[in-house]
C-alpha atoms as a PDB file:
ATOM      1  CA  MET A   1      40.878 -90.664 186.728  1.00  0.00           C
ATOM      2  CA  ASP A   2      37.319 -89.627 185.885  1.00  0.00           C
ATOM      3  CA  VAL A   3      36.666 -88.760 182.246  1.00  0.00           C
ATOM      4  CA  PRO A   4      33.373 -87.123 181.273  1.00  0.00           C
ATOM      5  CA  LEU A   5      31.257 -89.186 178.897  1.00  0.00           C
ATOM      6  CA  TRP A   6      31.030 -86.366 176.322  1.00  0.00           C
ATOM      7  CA  PHE A   7      34.829 -86.131 176.194  1.00  0.00           C
ATOM      8  CA  ALA A   8      35.292 -89.886 175.769  1.00  0.00           C
ATOM      9  CA  LEU A   9      32.698 -89.942 172.962  1.00  0.00           C
ATOM     10  CA  LEU A  10      34.382 -86.975 171.294  1.00  0.00           C
ATOM     11  CA  VAL A  11      37.783 -88.695 171.359  1.00  0.00           C
ATOM     12  CA  VAL A  12      36.351 -91.955 170.008  1.00  0.00           C
ATOM     13  CA  GLY A  13      34.480 -90.053 167.290  1.00  0.00           C
ATOM     14  CA  VAL A  14      37.520 -88.066 166.169  1.00  0.00           C
ATOM     15  CA  LEU A  15      39.718 -91.162 166.109  1.00  0.00           C
ATOM     16  CA  GLY A  16      37.051 -93.093 164.213  1.00  0.00           C
ATOM     17  CA  ILE A  17      36.737 -90.380 161.583  1.00  0.00           C
ATOM     18  CA  LYS A  18      40.511 -90.082 161.161  1.00  0.00           C
ATOM     19  CA  LEU A  19      41.239 -93.816 161.069  1.00  0.00           C
ATOM     20  CA  ILE A  20      38.223 -95.310 159.302  1.00  0.00           C
ATOM     21  CA  ARG A  21      37.335 -92.290 157.116  1.00  0.00           C
ATOM     22  CA  PRO A  22      33.606 -92.935 156.628  1.00  0.00           C
ATOM     23  CA  PRO A  23      31.729 -90.696 154.176  1.00  0.00           C
ATOM     24  CA  TRP A  24      30.284 -87.527 155.690  1.00  0.00           C
ATOM     25  CA  TRP A  25      26.737 -88.440 154.661  1.00  0.00           C
ATOM     26  CA  LEU A  26      26.997 -91.633 156.751  1.00  0.00           C
ATOM     27  CA  ILE A  27      28.111 -89.658 159.793  1.00  0.00           C
ATOM     28  CA  GLY A  28      25.164 -87.301 159.314  1.00  0.00           C
ATOM     29  CA  VAL A  29      22.682 -90.158 158.945  1.00  0.00           C
ATOM     30  CA  LEU A  30      23.969 -91.874 162.090  1.00  0.00           C
ATOM     31  CA  LEU A  31      23.839 -88.662 164.122  1.00  0.00           C
ATOM     32  CA  LEU A  32      20.364 -87.776 162.889  1.00  0.00           C
ATOM     33  CA  GLY A  33      19.136 -91.323 163.451  1.00  0.00           C
ATOM     34  CA  GLY A  34      20.464 -91.350 167.012  1.00  0.00           C
ATOM     35  CA  PHE A  35      18.878 -87.983 167.709  1.00  0.00           C
ATOM     36  CA  LEU A  36      15.510 -89.157 166.373  1.00  0.00           C
ATOM     37  CA  LEU A  37      15.688 -92.476 168.258  1.00  0.00           C
ATOM     38  CA  ALA A  38      16.394 -90.661 171.518  1.00  0.00           C
ATOM     39  CA  ASP A  39      13.093 -88.793 171.156  1.00  0.00           C
ATOM     40  CA  SER A  40      11.014 -91.794 170.060  1.00  0.00           C
ATOM     41  CA  ILE A  41       8.888 -94.256 172.025  1.00  0.00           C
ATOM     42  CA  LEU A  42      11.766 -96.733 171.774  1.00  0.00           C
ATOM     43  CA  ALA A  43      14.024 -94.597 173.983  1.00  0.00           C
ATOM     44  CA  PRO A  44      13.022 -96.283 177.297  1.00  0.00           C
ATOM     45  CA  VAL A  45      13.575 -99.728 175.757  1.00  0.00           C
ATOM     46  CA  ILE A  46      17.003 -98.749 174.470  1.00  0.00           C
ATOM     47  CA  ASP A  47      17.882 -97.158 177.813  1.00  0.00           C
ATOM     48  CA  THR A  48      17.040-100.299 179.788  1.00  0.00           C
ATOM     49  CA  ALA A  49      18.871-102.493 177.268  1.00  0.00           C
ATOM     50  CA  LEU A  50      22.052-100.448 177.634  1.00  0.00           C
ATOM     51  CA  LYS A  51      22.033-100.483 181.442  1.00  0.00           C
END
């Protein structure tokens, strides 16, 4: 069974929010931080570290 990455991340995110119940500001900071890191000069380093 092949599951798209976006769907797996969505399921993990929804379960994490329902089970752990982090504050909404923390979710926003993490999303914004990830978005900004993806567009920074560190993106190639992070990409090679994850592969």
